[in-house]
Amino acid sequence: MELKHFNLSEFDSPDHEGSHVNMDADFLQLLDKAREIASVPFRITSGYRTKEHNAKVGGVQGSSHTKGVAVDIAISSGSERWVILNALIQVGVRRFGISSNFLHADVDAEKPNAVWTY
């Protein structure tokens, strides 16, 4: 798979090089399309997570990151958050966690559409 705006290694779990292969290909295409719409870089701070890494960072059991259908994107301002969030909504992402410095986005079909804060 080739993406226009990302290197696949950006989605690796820090404890397992090459683990981006566990990311859902359709989700990665949505992210690439959203990045195109937003016209701002998406700095991925967390993509796929092994169960071990998820536990280490305090992720919840059953995290969408361990299923390859979630990312965290660094956010540096409210206007950047709006641009990225809007682009993700346009491509069909329907689950968001909002923090002061990152945005969680996922397409986990086993979970309800939702927006939450950290």
PDB file of N, CA and C in Angstrom:
ATOM      1  N   MET A   1       0.849  -1.182   0.000  1.00  0.00           N
ATOM      2  CA  MET A   1       0.000   0.000   0.000  1.00  0.00           C
ATOM      3  C   MET A   1       0.891   1.241   0.000  1.00  0.00           C
ATOM      4  N   GLU A   2       0.456   2.224  -0.751  1.00  0.00           N
ATOM      5  CA  GLU A   2       1.182   3.482  -0.791  1.00  0.00           C
ATOM      6  C   GLU A   2       0.247   4.611  -0.388  1.00  0.00           C
ATOM      7  N   LEU A   3       0.746   5.463   0.487  1.00  0.00           N
ATOM      8  CA  LEU A   3      -0.015   6.621   0.918  1.00  0.00           C
ATOM      9  C   LEU A   3       0.690   7.880   0.447  1.00  0.00           C
ATOM     10  N   LYS A   4      -0.078   8.901   0.102  1.00  0.00           N
ATOM     11  CA  LYS A   4       0.493  10.140  -0.410  1.00  0.00           C
ATOM     12  C   LYS A   4       1.119  10.989   0.696  1.00  0.00           C
ATOM     13  N   HIS A   5       0.500  10.988   1.880  1.00  0.00           N
ATOM     14  CA  HIS A   5       0.895  11.931   2.924  1.00  0.00           C
ATOM     15  C   HIS A   5       1.550  11.303   4.155  1.00  0.00           C
ATOM     16  N   PHE A   6       1.736  10.015   4.152  1.00  0.00           N
ATOM     17  CA  PHE A   6       2.310   9.342   5.326  1.00  0.00           C
ATOM     18  C   PHE A   6       3.332   8.295   4.897  1.00  0.00           C
ATOM     19  N   ASN A   7       4.303   8.066   5.763  1.00  0.00           N
ATOM     20  CA  ASN A   7       5.153   6.879   5.661  1.00  0.00           C
ATOM     21  C   ASN A   7       4.505   5.828   6.541  1.00  0.00           C
ATOM     22  N   LEU A   8       4.389   4.620   6.056  1.00  0.00           N
ATOM     23  CA  LEU A   8       3.713   3.577   6.834  1.00  0.00           C
ATOM     24  C   LEU A   8       4.351   3.371   8.200  1.00  0.00           C
ATOM     25  N   SER A   9       5.653   3.599   8.311  1.00  0.00           N
ATOM     26  CA  SER A   9       6.340   3.410   9.593  1.00  0.00           C
ATOM     27  C   SER A   9       5.805   4.349  10.676  1.00  0.00           C
ATOM     28  N   GLU A  10       5.129   5.440  10.285  1.00  0.00           N
ATOM     29  CA  GLU A  10       4.537   6.354  11.267  1.00  0.00           C
ATOM     30  C   GLU A  10       3.473   5.650  12.111  1.00  0.00           C
ATOM     31  N   PHE A  11       2.949   4.544  11.609  1.00  0.00           N
ATOM     32  CA  PHE A  11       1.875   3.827  12.289  1.00  0.00           C
ATOM     33  C   PHE A  11       2.374   2.634  13.108  1.00  0.00           C
ATOM     34  N   ASP A  12       3.705   2.419  13.129  1.00  0.00           N
ATOM     35  CA  ASP A  12       4.282   1.310  13.893  1.00  0.00           C
ATOM     36  C   ASP A  12       4.111   1.510  15.394  1.00  0.00           C
ATOM     37  N   SER A  13       3.878   0.416  16.118  1.00  0.00           N
ATOM     38  CA  SER A  13       3.968   0.443  17.573  1.00  0.00           C
ATOM     39  C   SER A  13       5.446   0.626  17.912  1.00  0.00           C
ATOM     40  N   PRO A  14       5.779   1.488  18.871  1.00  0.00           N
ATOM     41  CA  PRO A  14       7.187   1.743  19.180  1.00  0.00           C
ATOM     42  C   PRO A  14       7.993   0.493  19.555  1.00  0.00           C
ATOM     43  N   ASP A  15       7.318  -0.542  20.009  1.00  0.00           N
ATOM     44  CA  ASP A  15       8.022  -1.759  20.430  1.00  0.00           C
ATOM     45  C   ASP A  15       8.035  -2.841  19.354  1.00  0.00           C
ATOM     46  N   HIS A  16       7.547  -2.526  18.139  1.00  0.00           N
ATOM     47  CA  HIS A  16       7.513  -3.554  17.094  1.00  0.00           C
ATOM     48  C   HIS A  16       7.616  -2.929  15.707  1.00  0.00           C
ATOM     49  N   GLU A  17       8.833  -2.818  15.200  1.00  0.00           N
ATOM     50  CA  GLU A  17       9.054  -2.256  13.872  1.00  0.00           C
ATOM     51  C   GLU A  17       8.294  -3.080  12.832  1.00  0.00           C
ATOM     52  N   GLY A  18       7.667  -2.399  11.912  1.00  0.00           N
ATOM     53  CA  GLY A  18       6.911  -3.074  10.854  1.00  0.00           C
ATOM     54  C   GLY A  18       5.483  -3.419  11.237  1.00  0.00           C
ATOM     55  N   SER A  19       5.080  -3.070  12.451  1.00  0.00           N
ATOM     56  CA  SER A  19       3.731  -3.444  12.908  1.00  0.00           C
ATOM     57  C   SER A  19       2.626  -2.647  12.227  1.00  0.00           C
ATOM     58  N   HIS A  20       3.002  -1.654  11.411  1.00  0.00           N
ATOM     59  CA  HIS A  20       1.980  -0.922  10.645  1.00  0.00           C
ATOM     60  C   HIS A  20       1.178  -1.862   9.747  1.00  0.00           C
ATOM     61  N   VAL A  21       1.698  -3.055   9.468  1.00  0.00           N
ATOM     62  CA  VAL A  21       0.950  -4.010   8.648  1.00  0.00           C
ATOM     63  C   VAL A  21      -0.360  -4.415   9.317  1.00  0.00           C
ATOM     64  N   ASN A  22      -0.472  -4.153  10.617  1.00  0.00           N
ATOM     65  CA  ASN A  22      -1.695  -4.468  11.353  1.00  0.00           C
ATOM     66  C   ASN A  22      -2.742  -3.355  11.273  1.00  0.00           C
ATOM     67  N   MET A  23      -2.388  -2.243  10.628  1.00  0.00           N
ATOM     68  CA  MET A  23      -3.356  -1.156  10.471  1.00  0.00           C
ATOM     69  C   MET A  23      -4.355  -1.526   9.372  1.00  0.00           C
ATOM     70  N   ASP A  24      -5.594  -1.140   9.584  1.00  0.00           N
ATOM     71  CA  ASP A  24      -6.645  -1.378   8.601  1.00  0.00           C
ATOM     72  C   ASP A  24      -6.390  -0.515   7.360  1.00  0.00           C
ATOM     73  N   ALA A  25      -6.285  -1.143   6.202  1.00  0.00           N
ATOM     74  CA  ALA A  25      -5.946  -0.439   4.962  1.00  0.00           C
ATOM     75  C   ALA A  25      -6.989   0.619   4.600  1.00  0.00           C
ATOM     76  N   ASP A  26      -8.261   0.327   4.797  1.00  0.00           N
ATOM     77  CA  ASP A  26      -9.308   1.305   4.479  1.00  0.00           C
ATOM     78  C   ASP A  26      -9.197   2.534   5.384  1.00  0.00           C
ATOM     79  N   PHE A  27      -8.889   2.306   6.656  1.00  0.00           N
ATOM     80  CA  PHE A  27      -8.713   3.420   7.594  1.00  0.00           C
ATOM     81  C   PHE A  27      -7.533   4.295   7.170  1.00  0.00           C
ATOM     82  N   LEU A  28      -6.438   3.667   6.761  1.00  0.00           N
ATOM     83  CA  LEU A  28      -5.278   4.443   6.312  1.00  0.00           C
ATOM     84  C   LEU A  28      -5.625   5.287   5.087  1.00  0.00           C
ATOM     85  N   GLN A  29      -6.430   4.747   4.190  1.00  0.00           N
ATOM     86  CA  GLN A  29      -6.852   5.522   3.023  1.00  0.00           C
ATOM     87  C   GLN A  29      -7.714   6.722   3.438  1.00  0.00           C
ATOM     88  N   LEU A  30      -8.582   6.518   4.439  1.00  0.00           N
ATOM     89  CA  LEU A  30      -9.392   7.629   4.951  1.00  0.00           C
ATOM     90  C   LEU A  30      -8.501   8.714   5.535  1.00  0.00           C
ATOM     91  N   LEU A  31      -7.490   8.312   6.305  1.00  0.00           N
ATOM     92  CA  LEU A  31      -6.571   9.285   6.894  1.00  0.00           C
ATOM     93  C   LEU A  31      -5.835  10.070   5.813  1.00  0.00           C
ATOM     94  N   ASP A  32      -5.409   9.385   4.768  1.00  0.00           N
ATOM     95  CA  ASP A  32      -4.694  10.042   3.678  1.00  0.00           C
ATOM     96  C   ASP A  32      -5.608  11.054   2.980  1.00  0.00           C
ATOM     97  N   LYS A  33      -6.864  10.669   2.779  1.00  0.00           N
ATOM     98  CA  LYS A  33      -7.833  11.570   2.150  1.00  0.00           C
ATOM     99  C   LYS A  33      -8.113  12.773   3.060  1.00  0.00           C
ATOM    100  N   ALA A  34      -8.246  12.543   4.357  1.00  0.00           N
ATOM    101  CA  ALA A  34      -8.486  13.634   5.306  1.00  0.00           C
ATOM    102  C   ALA A  34      -7.306  14.596   5.328  1.00  0.00           C
ATOM    103  N   ARG A  35      -6.109  14.058   5.260  1.00  0.00           N
ATOM    104  CA  ARG A  35      -4.901  14.894   5.231  1.00  0.00           C
ATOM    105  C   ARG A  35      -4.907  15.783   3.987  1.00  0.00           C
ATOM    106  N   GLU A  36      -5.350  15.244   2.878  1.00  0.00           N
ATOM    107  CA  GLU A  36      -5.454  16.009   1.636  1.00  0.00           C
ATOM    108  C   GLU A  36      -6.447  17.160   1.799  1.00  0.00           C
ATOM    109  N   ILE A  37      -7.588  16.879   2.397  1.00  0.00           N
ATOM    110  CA  ILE A  37      -8.622  17.889   2.617  1.00  0.00           C
ATOM    111  C   ILE A  37      -8.132  18.978   3.576  1.00  0.00           C
ATOM    112  N   ALA A  38      -7.482  18.573   4.653  1.00  0.00           N
ATOM    113  CA  ALA A  38      -7.060  19.511   5.697  1.00  0.00           C
ATOM    114  C   ALA A  38      -5.947  20.447   5.233  1.00  0.00           C
ATOM    115  N   SER A  39      -5.084  19.962   4.374  1.00  0.00           N
ATOM    116  CA  SER A  39      -3.934  20.746   3.899  1.00  0.00           C
ATOM    117  C   SER A  39      -3.003  21.179   5.028  1.00  0.00           C
ATOM    118  N   VAL A  40      -2.987  20.405   6.107  1.00  0.00           N
ATOM    119  CA  VAL A  40      -2.012  20.591   7.188  1.00  0.00           C
ATOM    120  C   VAL A  40      -1.445  19.221   7.531  1.00  0.00           C
ATOM    121  N   PRO A  41      -0.202  19.171   7.986  1.00  0.00           N
ATOM    122  CA  PRO A  41       0.373  17.868   8.347  1.00  0.00           C
ATOM    123  C   PRO A  41      -0.390  17.207   9.500  1.00  0.00           C
ATOM    124  N   PHE A  42      -0.463  15.892   9.465  1.00  0.00           N
ATOM    125  CA  PHE A  42      -0.982  15.095  10.579  1.00  0.00           C
ATOM    126  C   PHE A  42       0.238  14.402  11.187  1.00  0.00           C
ATOM    127  N   ARG A  43       0.625  14.797  12.396  1.00  0.00           N
ATOM    128  CA  ARG A  43       1.750  14.138  13.060  1.00  0.00           C
ATOM    129  C   ARG A  43       1.186  13.030  13.946  1.00  0.00           C
ATOM    130  N   ILE A  44       1.378  11.791  13.504  1.00  0.00           N
ATOM    131  CA  ILE A  44       0.841  10.631  14.215  1.00  0.00           C
ATOM    132  C   ILE A  44       1.702  10.363  15.444  1.00  0.00           C
ATOM    133  N   THR A  45       1.088  10.410  16.614  1.00  0.00           N
ATOM    134  CA  THR A  45       1.826  10.116  17.848  1.00  0.00           C
ATOM    135  C   THR A  45       1.558   8.695  18.341  1.00  0.00           C
ATOM    136  N   SER A  46       0.496   8.097  17.844  1.00  0.00           N
ATOM    137  CA  SER A  46       0.199   6.710  18.178  1.00  0.00           C
ATOM    138  C   SER A  46      -0.677   6.127  17.082  1.00  0.00           C
ATOM    139  N   GLY A  47      -0.231   5.022  16.518  1.00  0.00           N
ATOM    140  CA  GLY A  47      -1.009   4.309  15.513  1.00  0.00           C
ATOM    141  C   GLY A  47      -1.335   2.937  16.065  1.00  0.00           C
ATOM    142  N   TYR A  48      -0.808   1.902  15.390  1.00  0.00           N
ATOM    143  CA  TYR A  48      -1.003   0.554  15.913  1.00  0.00           C
ATOM    144  C   TYR A  48      -0.265   0.416  17.236  1.00  0.00           C
ATOM    145  N   ARG A  49      -0.845  -0.320  18.169  1.00  0.00           N
ATOM    146  CA  ARG A  49      -0.192  -0.627  19.444  1.00  0.00           C
ATOM    147  C   ARG A  49      -0.251  -2.129  19.697  1.00  0.00           C
ATOM    148  N   THR A  50       0.891  -2.698  20.051  1.00  0.00           N
ATOM    149  CA  THR A  50       0.853  -4.069  20.544  1.00  0.00           C
ATOM    150  C   THR A  50       0.119  -4.037  21.889  1.00  0.00           C
ATOM    151  N   LYS A  51      -0.377  -5.166  22.326  1.00  0.00           N
ATOM    152  CA  LYS A  51      -1.059  -5.208  23.624  1.00  0.00           C
ATOM    153  C   LYS A  51      -0.116  -4.783  24.743  1.00  0.00           C
ATOM    154  N   GLU A  52       1.171  -5.144  24.598  1.00  0.00           N
ATOM    155  CA  GLU A  52       2.159  -4.788  25.613  1.00  0.00           C
ATOM    156  C   GLU A  52       2.372  -3.270  25.662  1.00  0.00           C
ATOM    157  N   HIS A  53       2.521  -2.664  24.495  1.00  0.00           N
ATOM    158  CA  HIS A  53       2.723  -1.208  24.462  1.00  0.00           C
ATOM    159  C   HIS A  53       1.462  -0.487  24.931  1.00  0.00           C
ATOM    160  N   ASN A  54       0.300  -0.983  24.554  1.00  0.00           N
ATOM    161  CA  ASN A  54      -0.949  -0.377  24.994  1.00  0.00           C
ATOM    162  C   ASN A  54      -1.032  -0.366  26.518  1.00  0.00           C
ATOM    163  N   ALA A  55      -0.662  -1.471  27.150  1.00  0.00           N
ATOM    164  CA  ALA A  55      -0.673  -1.538  28.613  1.00  0.00           C
ATOM    165  C   ALA A  55       0.340  -0.555  29.204  1.00  0.00           C
ATOM    166  N   LYS A  56       1.514  -0.469  28.586  1.00  0.00           N
ATOM    167  CA  LYS A  56       2.582   0.412  29.071  1.00  0.00           C
ATOM    168  C   LYS A  56       2.157   1.879  29.072  1.00  0.00           C
ATOM    169  N   VAL A  57       1.385   2.293  28.048  1.00  0.00           N
ATOM    170  CA  VAL A  57       0.968   3.697  27.960  1.00  0.00           C
ATOM    171  C   VAL A  57      -0.373   3.955  28.644  1.00  0.00           C
ATOM    172  N   GLY A  58      -0.919   2.944  29.307  1.00  0.00           N
ATOM    173  CA  GLY A  58      -2.169   3.117  30.035  1.00  0.00           C
ATOM    174  C   GLY A  58      -3.409   3.066  29.170  1.00  0.00           C
ATOM    175  N   GLY A  59      -3.290   2.465  27.983  1.00  0.00           N
ATOM    176  CA  GLY A  59      -4.455   2.320  27.110  1.00  0.00           C
ATOM    177  C   GLY A  59      -5.463   1.347  27.685  1.00  0.00           C
ATOM    178  N   VAL A  60      -6.715   1.513  27.333  1.00  0.00           N
ATOM    179  CA  VAL A  60      -7.766   0.642  27.836  1.00  0.00           C
ATOM    180  C   VAL A  60      -7.687  -0.736  27.179  1.00  0.00           C
ATOM    181  N   GLN A  61      -8.152  -1.731  27.888  1.00  0.00           N
ATOM    182  CA  GLN A  61      -8.226  -3.070  27.311  1.00  0.00           C
ATOM    183  C   GLN A  61      -9.219  -3.026  26.154  1.00  0.00           C
ATOM    184  N   GLY A  62      -8.884  -3.668  25.045  1.00  0.00           N
ATOM    185  CA  GLY A  62      -9.741  -3.629  23.864  1.00  0.00           C
ATOM    186  C   GLY A  62      -9.596  -2.343  23.073  1.00  0.00           C
ATOM    187  N   SER A  63      -8.504  -1.603  23.318  1.00  0.00           N
ATOM    188  CA  SER A  63      -8.266  -0.336  22.619  1.00  0.00           C
ATOM    189  C   SER A  63      -8.343  -0.520  21.109  1.00  0.00           C
ATOM    190  N   SER A  64      -8.940   0.448  20.459  1.00  0.00           N
ATOM    191  CA  SER A  64      -9.017   0.427  18.999  1.00  0.00           C
ATOM    192  C   SER A  64      -7.633   0.496  18.360  1.00  0.00           C
ATOM    193  N   HIS A  65      -6.653   1.023  19.087  1.00  0.00           N
ATOM    194  CA  HIS A  65      -5.275   1.035  18.587  1.00  0.00           C
ATOM    195  C   HIS A  65      -4.760  -0.395  18.378  1.00  0.00           C
ATOM    196  N   THR A  66      -5.149  -1.320  19.247  1.00  0.00           N
ATOM    197  CA  THR A  66      -4.674  -2.712  19.136  1.00  0.00           C
ATOM    198  C   THR A  66      -5.362  -3.455  17.999  1.00  0.00           C
ATOM    199  N   LYS A  67      -6.412  -2.854  17.454  1.00  0.00           N
ATOM    200  CA  LYS A  67      -7.128  -3.436  16.322  1.00  0.00           C
ATOM    201  C   LYS A  67      -6.692  -2.809  14.998  1.00  0.00           C
ATOM    202  N   GLY A  68      -5.836  -1.780  15.079  1.00  0.00           N
ATOM    203  CA  GLY A  68      -5.368  -1.109  13.862  1.00  0.00           C
ATOM    204  C   GLY A  68      -6.364  -0.167  13.233  1.00  0.00           C
ATOM    205  N   VAL A  69      -7.320   0.318  14.032  1.00  0.00           N
ATOM    206  CA  VAL A  69      -8.340   1.219  13.487  1.00  0.00           C
ATOM    207  C   VAL A  69      -8.383   2.554  14.226  1.00  0.00           C
ATOM    208  N   ALA A  70      -7.251   2.950  14.837  1.00  0.00           N
ATOM    209  CA  ALA A  70      -7.207   4.202  15.594  1.00  0.00           C
ATOM    210  C   ALA A  70      -5.847   4.869  15.449  1.00  0.00           C
ATOM    211  N   VAL A  71      -5.861   6.186  15.548  1.00  0.00           N
ATOM    212  CA  VAL A  71      -4.631   6.972  15.604  1.00  0.00           C
ATOM    213  C   VAL A  71      -4.817   8.118  16.587  1.00  0.00           C
ATOM    214  N   ASP A  72      -3.697   8.596  17.105  1.00  0.00           N
ATOM    215  CA  ASP A  72      -3.655   9.851  17.833  1.00  0.00           C
ATOM    216  C   ASP A  72      -2.834  10.810  16.979  1.00  0.00           C
ATOM    217  N   ILE A  73      -3.320  12.019  16.838  1.00  0.00           N
ATOM    218  CA  ILE A  73      -2.679  13.041  16.008  1.00  0.00           C
ATOM    219  C   ILE A  73      -2.339  14.226  16.903  1.00  0.00           C
ATOM    220  N   ALA A  74      -1.072  14.665  16.867  1.00  0.00           N
ATOM    221  CA  ALA A  74      -0.653  15.814  17.659  1.00  0.00           C
ATOM    222  C   ALA A  74      -1.390  17.063  17.192  1.00  0.00           C
ATOM    223  N   ILE A  75      -1.777  17.907  18.160  1.00  0.00           N
ATOM    224  CA  ILE A  75      -2.493  19.146  17.879  1.00  0.00           C
ATOM    225  C   ILE A  75      -1.765  20.287  18.579  1.00  0.00           C
ATOM    226  N   SER A  76      -1.531  21.378  17.845  1.00  0.00           N
ATOM    227  CA  SER A  76      -0.797  22.494  18.442  1.00  0.00           C
ATOM    228  C   SER A  76      -1.655  23.738  18.687  1.00  0.00           C
ATOM    229  N   SER A  77      -2.883  23.751  18.170  1.00  0.00           N
ATOM    230  CA  SER A  77      -3.747  24.920  18.385  1.00  0.00           C
ATOM    231  C   SER A  77      -5.205  24.539  18.162  1.00  0.00           C
ATOM    232  N   GLY A  78      -6.082  25.396  18.643  1.00  0.00           N
ATOM    233  CA  GLY A  78      -7.508  25.167  18.443  1.00  0.00           C
ATOM    234  C   GLY A  78      -7.909  25.205  16.985  1.00  0.00           C
ATOM    235  N   SER A  79      -7.290  26.092  16.222  1.00  0.00           N
ATOM    236  CA  SER A  79      -7.642  26.176  14.799  1.00  0.00           C
ATOM    237  C   SER A  79      -7.161  24.934  14.055  1.00  0.00           C
ATOM    238  N   GLU A  80      -5.991  24.422  14.417  1.00  0.00           N
ATOM    239  CA  GLU A  80      -5.507  23.182  13.796  1.00  0.00           C
ATOM    240  C   GLU A  80      -6.422  22.007  14.164  1.00  0.00           C
ATOM    241  N   ARG A  81      -6.861  21.970  15.420  1.00  0.00           N
ATOM    242  CA  ARG A  81      -7.786  20.909  15.862  1.00  0.00           C
ATOM    243  C   ARG A  81      -9.054  20.935  15.009  1.00  0.00           C
ATOM    244  N   TRP A  82      -9.600  22.142  14.779  1.00  0.00           N
ATOM    245  CA  TRP A  82     -10.815  22.274  13.982  1.00  0.00           C
ATOM    246  C   TRP A  82     -10.597  21.779  12.554  1.00  0.00           C
ATOM    247  N   VAL A  83      -9.512  22.188  11.928  1.00  0.00           N
ATOM    248  CA  VAL A  83      -9.245  21.811  10.535  1.00  0.00           C
ATOM    249  C   VAL A  83      -9.121  20.295  10.408  1.00  0.00           C
ATOM    250  N   ILE A  84      -8.373  19.679  11.320  1.00  0.00           N
ATOM    251  CA  ILE A  84      -8.153  18.223  11.262  1.00  0.00           C
ATOM    252  C   ILE A  84      -9.445  17.478  11.576  1.00  0.00           C
ATOM    253  N   LEU A  85     -10.141  17.900  12.618  1.00  0.00           N
ATOM    254  CA  LEU A  85     -11.398  17.258  12.994  1.00  0.00           C
ATOM    255  C   LEU A  85     -12.413  17.356  11.860  1.00  0.00           C
ATOM    256  N   ASN A  86     -12.546  18.503  11.272  1.00  0.00           N
ATOM    257  CA  ASN A  86     -13.484  18.708  10.167  1.00  0.00           C
ATOM    258  C   ASN A  86     -13.151  17.790   8.989  1.00  0.00           C
ATOM    259  N   ALA A  87     -11.871  17.682   8.647  1.00  0.00           N
ATOM    260  CA  ALA A  87     -11.470  16.813   7.533  1.00  0.00           C
ATOM    261  C   ALA A  87     -11.781  15.347   7.836  1.00  0.00           C
ATOM    262  N   LEU A  88     -11.534  14.933   9.063  1.00  0.00           N
ATOM    263  CA  LEU A  88     -11.812  13.543   9.447  1.00  0.00           C
ATOM    264  C   LEU A  88     -13.313  13.249   9.393  1.00  0.00           C
ATOM    265  N   ILE A  89     -14.124  14.191   9.817  1.00  0.00           N
ATOM    266  CA  ILE A  89     -15.573  14.022   9.743  1.00  0.00           C
ATOM    267  C   ILE A  89     -16.011  13.905   8.283  1.00  0.00           C
ATOM    268  N   GLN A  90     -15.432  14.724   7.415  1.00  0.00           N
ATOM    269  CA  GLN A  90     -15.798  14.693   5.989  1.00  0.00           C
ATOM    270  C   GLN A  90     -15.541  13.338   5.350  1.00  0.00           C
ATOM    271  N   VAL A  91     -14.497  12.628   5.797  1.00  0.00           N
ATOM    272  CA  VAL A  91     -14.191  11.321   5.190  1.00  0.00           C
ATOM    273  C   VAL A  91     -14.895  10.168   5.890  1.00  0.00           C
ATOM    274  N   GLY A  92     -15.633  10.450   6.960  1.00  0.00           N
ATOM    275  CA  GLY A  92     -16.438   9.412   7.579  1.00  0.00           C
ATOM    276  C   GLY A  92     -15.980   8.899   8.926  1.00  0.00           C
ATOM    277  N   VAL A  93     -14.956   9.492   9.517  1.00  0.00           N
ATOM    278  CA  VAL A  93     -14.544   9.082  10.867  1.00  0.00           C
ATOM    279  C   VAL A  93     -15.595   9.587  11.843  1.00  0.00           C
ATOM    280  N   ARG A  94     -16.014   8.719  12.772  1.00  0.00           N
ATOM    281  CA  ARG A  94     -17.127   9.056  13.659  1.00  0.00           C
ATOM    282  C   ARG A  94     -16.852   8.826  15.144  1.00  0.00           C
ATOM    283  N   ARG A  95     -15.581   8.602  15.505  1.00  0.00           N
ATOM    284  CA  ARG A  95     -15.231   8.434  16.926  1.00  0.00           C
ATOM    285  C   ARG A  95     -14.000   9.291  17.215  1.00  0.00           C
ATOM    286  N   PHE A  96     -14.134  10.182  18.213  1.00  0.00           N
ATOM    287  CA  PHE A  96     -13.059  11.126  18.519  1.00  0.00           C
ATOM    288  C   PHE A  96     -12.859  11.282  20.013  1.00  0.00           C
ATOM    289  N   GLY A  97     -11.608  11.338  20.415  1.00  0.00           N
ATOM    290  CA  GLY A  97     -11.221  11.734  21.758  1.00  0.00           C
ATOM    291  C   GLY A  97     -10.437  13.022  21.629  1.00  0.00           C
ATOM    292  N   ILE A  98     -10.804  14.022  22.410  1.00  0.00           N
ATOM    293  CA  ILE A  98     -10.180  15.335  22.271  1.00  0.00           C
ATOM    294  C   ILE A  98      -9.414  15.685  23.543  1.00  0.00           C
ATOM    295  N   SER A  99      -8.148  16.012  23.343  1.00  0.00           N
ATOM    296  CA  SER A  99      -7.254  16.409  24.419  1.00  0.00           C
ATOM    297  C   SER A  99      -6.707  17.792  24.095  1.00  0.00           C
ATOM    298  N   SER A 100      -6.011  18.384  25.029  1.00  0.00           N
ATOM    299  CA  SER A 100      -5.420  19.700  24.771  1.00  0.00           C
ATOM    300  C   SER A 100      -4.305  19.634  23.744  1.00  0.00           C
ATOM    301  N   ASN A 101      -3.644  18.475  23.599  1.00  0.00           N
ATOM    302  CA  ASN A 101      -2.505  18.408  22.674  1.00  0.00           C
ATOM    303  C   ASN A 101      -2.559  17.266  21.665  1.00  0.00           C
ATOM    304  N   PHE A 102      -3.641  16.505  21.636  1.00  0.00           N
ATOM    305  CA  PHE A 102      -3.804  15.488  20.600  1.00  0.00           C
ATOM    306  C   PHE A 102      -5.276  15.210  20.349  1.00  0.00           C
ATOM    307  N   LEU A 103      -5.510  14.602  19.191  1.00  0.00           N
ATOM    308  CA  LEU A 103      -6.857  14.196  18.784  1.00  0.00           C
ATOM    309  C   LEU A 103      -6.805  12.700  18.487  1.00  0.00           C
ATOM    310  N   HIS A 104      -7.642  11.929  19.162  1.00  0.00           N
ATOM    311  CA  HIS A 104      -7.781  10.500  18.880  1.00  0.00           C
ATOM    312  C   HIS A 104      -8.890  10.363  17.846  1.00  0.00           C
ATOM    313  N   ALA A 105      -8.645   9.541  16.823  1.00  0.00           N
ATOM    314  CA  ALA A 105      -9.665   9.265  15.812  1.00  0.00           C
ATOM    315  C   ALA A 105      -9.689   7.775  15.540  1.00  0.00           C
ATOM    316  N   ASP A 106     -10.880   7.191  15.481  1.00  0.00           N
ATOM    317  CA  ASP A 106     -10.952   5.770  15.137  1.00  0.00           C
ATOM    318  C   ASP A 106     -12.230   5.442  14.400  1.00  0.00           C
ATOM    319  N   VAL A 107     -12.217   4.266  13.772  1.00  0.00           N
ATOM    320  CA  VAL A 107     -13.366   3.774  13.015  1.00  0.00           C
ATOM    321  C   VAL A 107     -13.736   2.374  13.498  1.00  0.00           C
ATOM    322  N   ASP A 108     -13.663   2.168  14.797  1.00  0.00           N
ATOM    323  CA  ASP A 108     -13.948   0.859  15.377  1.00  0.00           C
ATOM    324  C   ASP A 108     -15.440   0.555  15.255  1.00  0.00           C
ATOM    325  N   ALA A 109     -15.782  -0.373  14.360  1.00  0.00           N
ATOM    326  CA  ALA A 109     -17.183  -0.704  14.088  1.00  0.00           C
ATOM    327  C   ALA A 109     -17.852  -1.413  15.266  1.00  0.00           C
ATOM    328  N   GLU A 110     -17.068  -1.899  16.222  1.00  0.00           N
ATOM    329  CA  GLU A 110     -17.626  -2.586  17.390  1.00  0.00           C
ATOM    330  C   GLU A 110     -18.007  -1.620  18.500  1.00  0.00           C
ATOM    331  N   LYS A 111     -17.772  -0.323  18.277  1.00  0.00           N
ATOM    332  CA  LYS A 111     -18.055   0.679  19.298  1.00  0.00           C
ATOM    333  C   LYS A 111     -18.968   1.749  18.719  1.00  0.00           C
ATOM    334  N   PRO A 112     -19.786   2.392  19.568  1.00  0.00           N
ATOM    335  CA  PRO A 112     -20.716   3.413  19.063  1.00  0.00           C
ATOM    336  C   PRO A 112     -19.988   4.700  18.671  1.00  0.00           C
ATOM    337  N   ASN A 113     -20.588   5.454  17.760  1.00  0.00           N
ATOM    338  CA  ASN A 113     -20.079   6.777  17.431  1.00  0.00           C
ATOM    339  C   ASN A 113     -20.047   7.597  18.710  1.00  0.00           C
ATOM    340  N   ALA A 114     -18.978   8.370  18.895  1.00  0.00           N
ATOM    341  CA  ALA A 114     -18.848   9.114  20.136  1.00  0.00           C
ATOM    342  C   ALA A 114     -17.777  10.188  20.019  1.00  0.00           C
ATOM    343  N   VAL A 115     -17.893  11.179  20.917  1.00  0.00           N
ATOM    344  CA  VAL A 115     -16.846  12.180  21.119  1.00  0.00           C
ATOM    345  C   VAL A 115     -16.653  12.265  22.630  1.00  0.00           C
ATOM    346  N   TRP A 116     -15.390  12.198  23.058  1.00  0.00           N
ATOM    347  CA  TRP A 116     -15.082  12.292  24.482  1.00  0.00           C
ATOM    348  C   TRP A 116     -13.876  13.191  24.669  1.00  0.00           C
ATOM    349  N   THR A 117     -13.635  13.586  25.911  1.00  0.00           N
ATOM    350  CA  THR A 117     -12.480  14.418  26.232  1.00  0.00           C
ATOM    351  C   THR A 117     -11.566  13.659  27.200  1.00  0.00           C
ATOM    352  N   TYR A 118     -10.312  14.055  27.177  1.00  0.00           N
ATOM    353  CA  TYR A 118      -9.312  13.485  28.100  1.00  0.00           C
ATOM    354  C   TYR A 118      -8.969  14.533  29.135  1.00  0.00           C
TER     355      TYR A 118
END
